[in-house]
Amino acid sequence: MSDPITSLRDHTGVLSVALAQWADGDVAQDKAAARRAASAAVDAIDALLRDLYLLRGRLVQESRQANGAPRPRVA
């Protein structure tokens, strides 16, 4: 992953558009397009969760290194 903040913004933009398309799906003639929008929203959410998990791991690691904390034990 290159820049986690950029990736989060990109996926959030995709999610926003997909949710708007899904919300309009009740009145849209093309129900297949609404289903594709829902699928795109789910994919964007999955990508956001991955990005957040990776970003969280990096922040925890950097925080521990900055504080001189010992490495966490692995269960």
PDB file of N, CA and C in Angstrom:
ATOM      1  N   MET A   1       0.850  -1.167   0.000  1.00  0.00           N
ATOM      2  CA  MET A   1       0.000   0.000   0.000  1.00  0.00           C
ATOM      3  C   MET A   1       0.897   1.231   0.000  1.00  0.00           C
ATOM      4  N   SER A   2       0.636   2.149  -0.889  1.00  0.00           N
ATOM      5  CA  SER A   2       1.481   3.330  -0.975  1.00  0.00           C
ATOM      6  C   SER A   2       1.163   4.292   0.169  1.00  0.00           C
ATOM      7  N   ASP A   3       0.296   5.223  -0.042  1.00  0.00           N
ATOM      8  CA  ASP A   3      -0.070   6.189   0.984  1.00  0.00           C
ATOM      9  C   ASP A   3      -1.422   5.788   1.573  1.00  0.00           C
ATOM     10  N   PRO A   4      -1.460   5.395   2.836  1.00  0.00           N
ATOM     11  CA  PRO A   4      -2.718   4.899   3.401  1.00  0.00           C
ATOM     12  C   PRO A   4      -3.822   5.949   3.442  1.00  0.00           C
ATOM     13  N   ILE A   5      -3.463   7.197   3.629  1.00  0.00           N
ATOM     14  CA  ILE A   5      -4.479   8.252   3.687  1.00  0.00           C
ATOM     15  C   ILE A   5      -5.116   8.447   2.313  1.00  0.00           C
ATOM     16  N   THR A   6      -4.304   8.445   1.270  1.00  0.00           N
ATOM     17  CA  THR A   6      -4.834   8.569  -0.086  1.00  0.00           C
ATOM     18  C   THR A   6      -5.727   7.392  -0.422  1.00  0.00           C
ATOM     19  N   SER A   7      -5.305   6.201  -0.036  1.00  0.00           N
ATOM     20  CA  SER A   7      -6.092   5.007  -0.292  1.00  0.00           C
ATOM     21  C   SER A   7      -7.444   5.076   0.427  1.00  0.00           C
ATOM     22  N   LEU A   8      -7.434   5.533   1.676  1.00  0.00           N
ATOM     23  CA  LEU A   8      -8.685   5.683   2.421  1.00  0.00           C
ATOM     24  C   LEU A   8      -9.620   6.673   1.733  1.00  0.00           C
ATOM     25  N   ARG A   9      -9.063   7.783   1.291  1.00  0.00           N
ATOM     26  CA  ARG A   9      -9.889   8.795   0.591  1.00  0.00           C
ATOM     27  C   ARG A   9     -10.458   8.234  -0.704  1.00  0.00           C
ATOM     28  N   ASP A  10      -9.646   7.499  -1.446  1.00  0.00           N
ATOM     29  CA  ASP A  10     -10.121   6.916  -2.705  1.00  0.00           C
ATOM     30  C   ASP A  10     -11.270   5.951  -2.461  1.00  0.00           C
ATOM     31  N   HIS A  11     -11.091   5.065  -1.498  1.00  0.00           N
ATOM     32  CA  HIS A  11     -12.134   4.075  -1.215  1.00  0.00           C
ATOM     33  C   HIS A  11     -13.397   4.727  -0.640  1.00  0.00           C
ATOM     34  N   THR A  12     -13.210   5.790   0.129  1.00  0.00           N
ATOM     35  CA  THR A  12     -14.363   6.509   0.666  1.00  0.00           C
ATOM     36  C   THR A  12     -15.147   7.171  -0.461  1.00  0.00           C
ATOM     37  N   GLY A  13     -14.441   7.694  -1.446  1.00  0.00           N
ATOM     38  CA  GLY A  13     -15.113   8.291  -2.607  1.00  0.00           C
ATOM     39  C   GLY A  13     -15.912   7.267  -3.386  1.00  0.00           C
ATOM     40  N   VAL A  14     -15.318   6.099  -3.604  1.00  0.00           N
ATOM     41  CA  VAL A  14     -16.022   5.017  -4.305  1.00  0.00           C
ATOM     42  C   VAL A  14     -17.261   4.612  -3.516  1.00  0.00           C
ATOM     43  N   LEU A  15     -17.114   4.486  -2.206  1.00  0.00           N
ATOM     44  CA  LEU A  15     -18.238   4.106  -1.353  1.00  0.00           C
ATOM     45  C   LEU A  15     -19.358   5.142  -1.427  1.00  0.00           C
ATOM     46  N   SER A  16     -19.001   6.396  -1.393  1.00  0.00           N
ATOM     47  CA  SER A  16     -19.996   7.469  -1.446  1.00  0.00           C
ATOM     48  C   SER A  16     -20.819   7.410  -2.737  1.00  0.00           C
ATOM     49  N   VAL A  17     -20.153   7.255  -3.845  1.00  0.00           N
ATOM     50  CA  VAL A  17     -20.840   7.182  -5.139  1.00  0.00           C
ATOM     51  C   VAL A  17     -21.716   5.941  -5.209  1.00  0.00           C
ATOM     52  N   ALA A  18     -21.175   4.806  -4.775  1.00  0.00           N
ATOM     53  CA  ALA A  18     -21.924   3.551  -4.839  1.00  0.00           C
ATOM     54  C   ALA A  18     -23.166   3.604  -3.954  1.00  0.00           C
ATOM     55  N   LEU A  19     -23.041   4.192  -2.767  1.00  0.00           N
ATOM     56  CA  LEU A  19     -24.207   4.293  -1.886  1.00  0.00           C
ATOM     57  C   LEU A  19     -25.270   5.221  -2.459  1.00  0.00           C
ATOM     58  N   ALA A  20     -24.833   6.284  -3.109  1.00  0.00           N
ATOM     59  CA  ALA A  20     -25.793   7.188  -3.754  1.00  0.00           C
ATOM     60  C   ALA A  20     -26.531   6.464  -4.881  1.00  0.00           C
ATOM     61  N   GLN A  21     -25.814   5.684  -5.667  1.00  0.00           N
ATOM     62  CA  GLN A  21     -26.445   4.920  -6.748  1.00  0.00           C
ATOM     63  C   GLN A  21     -27.401   3.878  -6.179  1.00  0.00           C
ATOM     64  N   TRP A  22     -27.003   3.235  -5.092  1.00  0.00           N
ATOM     65  CA  TRP A  22     -27.869   2.242  -4.470  1.00  0.00           C
ATOM     66  C   TRP A  22     -29.146   2.901  -3.928  1.00  0.00           C
ATOM     67  N   ALA A  23     -28.999   4.062  -3.299  1.00  0.00           N
ATOM     68  CA  ALA A  23     -30.153   4.767  -2.739  1.00  0.00           C
ATOM     69  C   ALA A  23     -31.143   5.161  -3.832  1.00  0.00           C
ATOM     70  N   ASP A  24     -30.640   5.467  -5.030  1.00  0.00           N
ATOM     71  CA  ASP A  24     -31.506   5.812  -6.148  1.00  0.00           C
ATOM     72  C   ASP A  24     -32.076   4.574  -6.830  1.00  0.00           C
ATOM     73  N   GLY A  25     -31.632   3.410  -6.399  1.00  0.00           N
ATOM     74  CA  GLY A  25     -32.058   2.167  -7.033  1.00  0.00           C
ATOM     75  C   GLY A  25     -33.538   1.874  -6.889  1.00  0.00           C
ATOM     76  N   ASP A  26     -34.179   2.432  -5.859  1.00  0.00           N
ATOM     77  CA  ASP A  26     -35.605   2.193  -5.665  1.00  0.00           C
ATOM     78  C   ASP A  26     -36.440   2.823  -6.773  1.00  0.00           C
ATOM     79  N   VAL A  27     -35.953   3.912  -7.327  1.00  0.00           N
ATOM     80  CA  VAL A  27     -36.708   4.591  -8.380  1.00  0.00           C
ATOM     81  C   VAL A  27     -36.119   4.347  -9.765  1.00  0.00           C
ATOM     82  N   ALA A  28     -34.940   3.770  -9.816  1.00  0.00           N
ATOM     83  CA  ALA A  28     -34.267   3.553 -11.100  1.00  0.00           C
ATOM     84  C   ALA A  28     -34.937   2.426 -11.876  1.00  0.00           C
ATOM     85  N   GLN A  29     -34.891   2.548 -13.164  1.00  0.00           N
ATOM     86  CA  GLN A  29     -35.414   1.507 -14.041  1.00  0.00           C
ATOM     87  C   GLN A  29     -34.455   0.321 -14.120  1.00  0.00           C
ATOM     88  N   ASP A  30     -33.169   0.604 -13.984  1.00  0.00           N
ATOM     89  CA  ASP A  30     -32.149  -0.423 -14.138  1.00  0.00           C
ATOM     90  C   ASP A  30     -31.794  -1.012 -12.767  1.00  0.00           C
ATOM     91  N   LYS A  31     -32.513  -2.052 -12.387  1.00  0.00           N
ATOM     92  CA  LYS A  31     -32.275  -2.693 -11.084  1.00  0.00           C
ATOM     93  C   LYS A  31     -30.912  -3.386 -11.035  1.00  0.00           C
ATOM     94  N   ALA A  32     -30.430  -3.840 -12.182  1.00  0.00           N
ATOM     95  CA  ALA A  32     -29.112  -4.480 -12.221  1.00  0.00           C
ATOM     96  C   ALA A  32     -28.017  -3.474 -11.861  1.00  0.00           C
ATOM     97  N   ALA A  33     -28.185  -2.240 -12.296  1.00  0.00           N
ATOM     98  CA  ALA A  33     -27.208  -1.201 -11.956  1.00  0.00           C
ATOM     99  C   ALA A  33     -27.216  -0.935 -10.456  1.00  0.00           C
ATOM    100  N   ALA A  34     -28.380  -0.963  -9.856  1.00  0.00           N
ATOM    101  CA  ALA A  34     -28.478  -0.766  -8.414  1.00  0.00           C
ATOM    102  C   ALA A  34     -27.787  -1.908  -7.673  1.00  0.00           C
ATOM    103  N   ARG A  35     -27.951  -3.130  -8.156  1.00  0.00           N
ATOM    104  CA  ARG A  35     -27.273  -4.269  -7.520  1.00  0.00           C
ATOM    105  C   ARG A  35     -25.766  -4.168  -7.682  1.00  0.00           C
ATOM    106  N   ARG A  36     -25.308  -3.705  -8.840  1.00  0.00           N
ATOM    107  CA  ARG A  36     -23.865  -3.508  -9.038  1.00  0.00           C
ATOM    108  C   ARG A  36     -23.338  -2.433  -8.089  1.00  0.00           C
ATOM    109  N   ALA A  37     -24.137  -1.397  -7.867  1.00  0.00           N
ATOM    110  CA  ALA A  37     -23.738  -0.339  -6.941  1.00  0.00           C
ATOM    111  C   ALA A  37     -23.618  -0.890  -5.527  1.00  0.00           C
ATOM    112  N   ALA A  38     -24.543  -1.741  -5.137  1.00  0.00           N
ATOM    113  CA  ALA A  38     -24.467  -2.356  -3.808  1.00  0.00           C
ATOM    114  C   ALA A  38     -23.212  -3.206  -3.680  1.00  0.00           C
ATOM    115  N   SER A  39     -22.900  -3.941  -4.720  1.00  0.00           N
ATOM    116  CA  SER A  39     -21.694  -4.769  -4.709  1.00  0.00           C
ATOM    117  C   SER A  39     -20.446  -3.900  -4.633  1.00  0.00           C
ATOM    118  N   ALA A  40     -20.441  -2.801  -5.358  1.00  0.00           N
ATOM    119  CA  ALA A  40     -19.301  -1.885  -5.317  1.00  0.00           C
ATOM    120  C   ALA A  40     -19.154  -1.281  -3.925  1.00  0.00           C
ATOM    121  N   ALA A  41     -20.275  -0.981  -3.270  1.00  0.00           N
ATOM    122  CA  ALA A  41     -20.227  -0.435  -1.913  1.00  0.00           C
ATOM    123  C   ALA A  41     -19.621  -1.450  -0.950  1.00  0.00           C
ATOM    124  N   VAL A  42     -20.030  -2.697  -1.062  1.00  0.00           N
ATOM    125  CA  VAL A  42     -19.479  -3.744  -0.191  1.00  0.00           C
ATOM    126  C   VAL A  42     -17.981  -3.901  -0.443  1.00  0.00           C
ATOM    127  N   ASP A  43     -17.579  -3.890  -1.705  1.00  0.00           N
ATOM    128  CA  ASP A  43     -16.146  -3.995  -2.025  1.00  0.00           C
ATOM    129  C   ASP A  43     -15.358  -2.819  -1.445  1.00  0.00           C
ATOM    130  N   ALA A  44     -15.940  -1.610  -1.539  1.00  0.00           N
ATOM    131  CA  ALA A  44     -15.261  -0.431  -0.997  1.00  0.00           C
ATOM    132  C   ALA A  44     -15.141  -0.525   0.522  1.00  0.00           C
ATOM    133  N   ILE A  45     -16.177  -1.024   1.184  1.00  0.00           N
ATOM    134  CA  ILE A  45     -16.130  -1.198   2.634  1.00  0.00           C
ATOM    135  C   ILE A  45     -15.040  -2.207   2.999  1.00  0.00           C
ATOM    136  N   ASP A  46     -14.973  -3.300   2.264  1.00  0.00           N
ATOM    137  CA  ASP A  46     -13.921  -4.298   2.528  1.00  0.00           C
ATOM    138  C   ASP A  46     -12.530  -3.686   2.366  1.00  0.00           C
ATOM    139  N   ALA A  47     -12.350  -2.888   1.312  1.00  0.00           N
ATOM    140  CA  ALA A  47     -11.052  -2.244   1.080  1.00  0.00           C
ATOM    141  C   ALA A  47     -10.736  -1.239   2.188  1.00  0.00           C
ATOM    142  N   LEU A  48     -11.746  -0.501   2.636  1.00  0.00           N
ATOM    143  CA  LEU A  48     -11.544   0.445   3.738  1.00  0.00           C
ATOM    144  C   LEU A  48     -11.136  -0.279   5.011  1.00  0.00           C
ATOM    145  N   LEU A  49     -11.783  -1.386   5.302  1.00  0.00           N
ATOM    146  CA  LEU A  49     -11.430  -2.152   6.494  1.00  0.00           C
ATOM    147  C   LEU A  49      -9.994  -2.664   6.420  1.00  0.00           C
ATOM    148  N   ARG A  50      -9.579  -3.144   5.240  1.00  0.00           N
ATOM    149  CA  ARG A  50      -8.190  -3.587   5.061  1.00  0.00           C
ATOM    150  C   ARG A  50      -7.225  -2.429   5.295  1.00  0.00           C
ATOM    151  N   ASP A  51      -7.526  -1.286   4.674  1.00  0.00           N
ATOM    152  CA  ASP A  51      -6.652  -0.116   4.810  1.00  0.00           C
ATOM    153  C   ASP A  51      -6.572   0.341   6.263  1.00  0.00           C
ATOM    154  N   LEU A  52      -7.713   0.377   6.941  1.00  0.00           N
ATOM    155  CA  LEU A  52      -7.729   0.799   8.339  1.00  0.00           C
ATOM    156  C   LEU A  52      -6.938  -0.162   9.214  1.00  0.00           C
ATOM    157  N   TYR A  53      -7.070  -1.441   8.952  1.00  0.00           N
ATOM    158  CA  TYR A  53      -6.332  -2.437   9.729  1.00  0.00           C
ATOM    159  C   TYR A  53      -4.828  -2.260   9.540  1.00  0.00           C
ATOM    160  N   LEU A  54      -4.404  -2.062   8.292  1.00  0.00           N
ATOM    161  CA  LEU A  54      -2.979  -1.856   8.020  1.00  0.00           C
ATOM    162  C   LEU A  54      -2.477  -0.556   8.637  1.00  0.00           C
ATOM    163  N   LEU A  55      -3.264   0.499   8.506  1.00  0.00           N
ATOM    164  CA  LEU A  55      -2.880   1.781   9.078  1.00  0.00           C
ATOM    165  C   LEU A  55      -2.796   1.684  10.599  1.00  0.00           C
ATOM    166  N   ARG A  56      -3.730   0.991  11.223  1.00  0.00           N
ATOM    167  CA  ARG A  56      -3.717   0.794  12.666  1.00  0.00           C
ATOM    168  C   ARG A  56      -2.434   0.072  13.092  1.00  0.00           C
ATOM    169  N   GLY A  57      -2.080  -0.966  12.367  1.00  0.00           N
ATOM    170  CA  GLY A  57      -0.861  -1.708  12.691  1.00  0.00           C
ATOM    171  C   GLY A  57       0.379  -0.846  12.599  1.00  0.00           C
ATOM    172  N   ARG A  58       0.441  -0.029  11.569  1.00  0.00           N
ATOM    173  CA  ARG A  58       1.589   0.868  11.420  1.00  0.00           C
ATOM    174  C   ARG A  58       1.661   1.875  12.565  1.00  0.00           C
ATOM    175  N   LEU A  59       0.513   2.448  12.906  1.00  0.00           N
ATOM    176  CA  LEU A  59       0.491   3.436  13.980  1.00  0.00           C
ATOM    177  C   LEU A  59       0.879   2.823  15.319  1.00  0.00           C
ATOM    178  N   VAL A  60       0.386   1.631  15.599  1.00  0.00           N
ATOM    179  CA  VAL A  60       0.738   0.956  16.849  1.00  0.00           C
ATOM    180  C   VAL A  60       2.240   0.695  16.884  1.00  0.00           C
ATOM    181  N   GLN A  61       2.773   0.202  15.783  1.00  0.00           N
ATOM    182  CA  GLN A  61       4.210  -0.092  15.727  1.00  0.00           C
ATOM    183  C   GLN A  61       5.042   1.175  15.906  1.00  0.00           C
ATOM    184  N   GLU A  62       4.681   2.234  15.199  1.00  0.00           N
ATOM    185  CA  GLU A  62       5.430   3.482  15.315  1.00  0.00           C
ATOM    186  C   GLU A  62       5.319   4.067  16.719  1.00  0.00           C
ATOM    187  N   SER A  63       4.148   3.969  17.313  1.00  0.00           N
ATOM    188  CA  SER A  63       3.945   4.475  18.666  1.00  0.00           C
ATOM    189  C   SER A  63       4.810   3.714  19.662  1.00  0.00           C
ATOM    190  N   ARG A  64       4.852   2.405  19.522  1.00  0.00           N
ATOM    191  CA  ARG A  64       5.672   1.601  20.437  1.00  0.00           C
ATOM    192  C   ARG A  64       7.159   1.899  20.257  1.00  0.00           C
ATOM    193  N   GLN A  65       7.560   2.066  19.008  1.00  0.00           N
ATOM    194  CA  GLN A  65       8.967   2.384  18.763  1.00  0.00           C
ATOM    195  C   GLN A  65       9.317   3.755  19.324  1.00  0.00           C
ATOM    196  N   ALA A  66       8.413   4.705  19.185  1.00  0.00           N
ATOM    197  CA  ALA A  66       8.666   6.058  19.681  1.00  0.00           C
ATOM    198  C   ALA A  66       8.744   6.085  21.199  1.00  0.00           C
ATOM    199  N   ASN A  67       7.990   5.218  21.835  1.00  0.00           N
ATOM    200  CA  ASN A  67       7.977   5.171  23.295  1.00  0.00           C
ATOM    201  C   ASN A  67       9.032   4.233  23.858  1.00  0.00           C
ATOM    202  N   GLY A  68       9.744   3.532  23.002  1.00  0.00           N
ATOM    203  CA  GLY A  68      10.756   2.593  23.460  1.00  0.00           C
ATOM    204  C   GLY A  68      10.158   1.374  24.135  1.00  0.00           C
ATOM    205  N   ALA A  69       8.912   1.070  23.815  1.00  0.00           N
ATOM    206  CA  ALA A  69       8.238  -0.074  24.432  1.00  0.00           C
ATOM    207  C   ALA A  69       8.813  -1.373  23.886  1.00  0.00           C
ATOM    208  N   PRO A  70       8.839  -2.391  24.715  1.00  0.00           N
ATOM    209  CA  PRO A  70       9.321  -3.688  24.213  1.00  0.00           C
ATOM    210  C   PRO A  70       8.337  -4.265  23.220  1.00  0.00           C
ATOM    211  N   ARG A  71       8.827  -5.188  22.434  1.00  0.00           N
ATOM    212  CA  ARG A  71       7.975  -5.831  21.431  1.00  0.00           C
ATOM    213  C   ARG A  71       6.873  -6.619  22.134  1.00  0.00           C
ATOM    214  N   PRO A  72       5.682  -6.604  21.565  1.00  0.00           N
ATOM    215  CA  PRO A  72       4.586  -7.334  22.199  1.00  0.00           C
ATOM    216  C   PRO A  72       4.821  -8.838  22.102  1.00  0.00           C
ATOM    217  N   ARG A  73       4.319  -9.540  23.112  1.00  0.00           N
ATOM    218  CA  ARG A  73       4.420 -10.990  23.087  1.00  0.00           C
ATOM    219  C   ARG A  73       3.396 -11.547  22.122  1.00  0.00           C
ATOM    220  N   VAL A  74       3.769 -12.627  21.467  1.00  0.00           N
ATOM    221  CA  VAL A  74       2.850 -13.301  20.552  1.00  0.00           C
ATOM    222  C   VAL A  74       2.311 -14.521  21.255  1.00  0.00           C
ATOM    223  N   ALA A  75       0.997 -14.605  21.287  1.00  0.00           N
ATOM    224  CA  ALA A  75       0.362 -15.739  21.988  1.00  0.00           C
ATOM    225  C   ALA A  75       0.389 -16.988  21.151  1.00  0.00           C
TER     226      ALA A  75
END
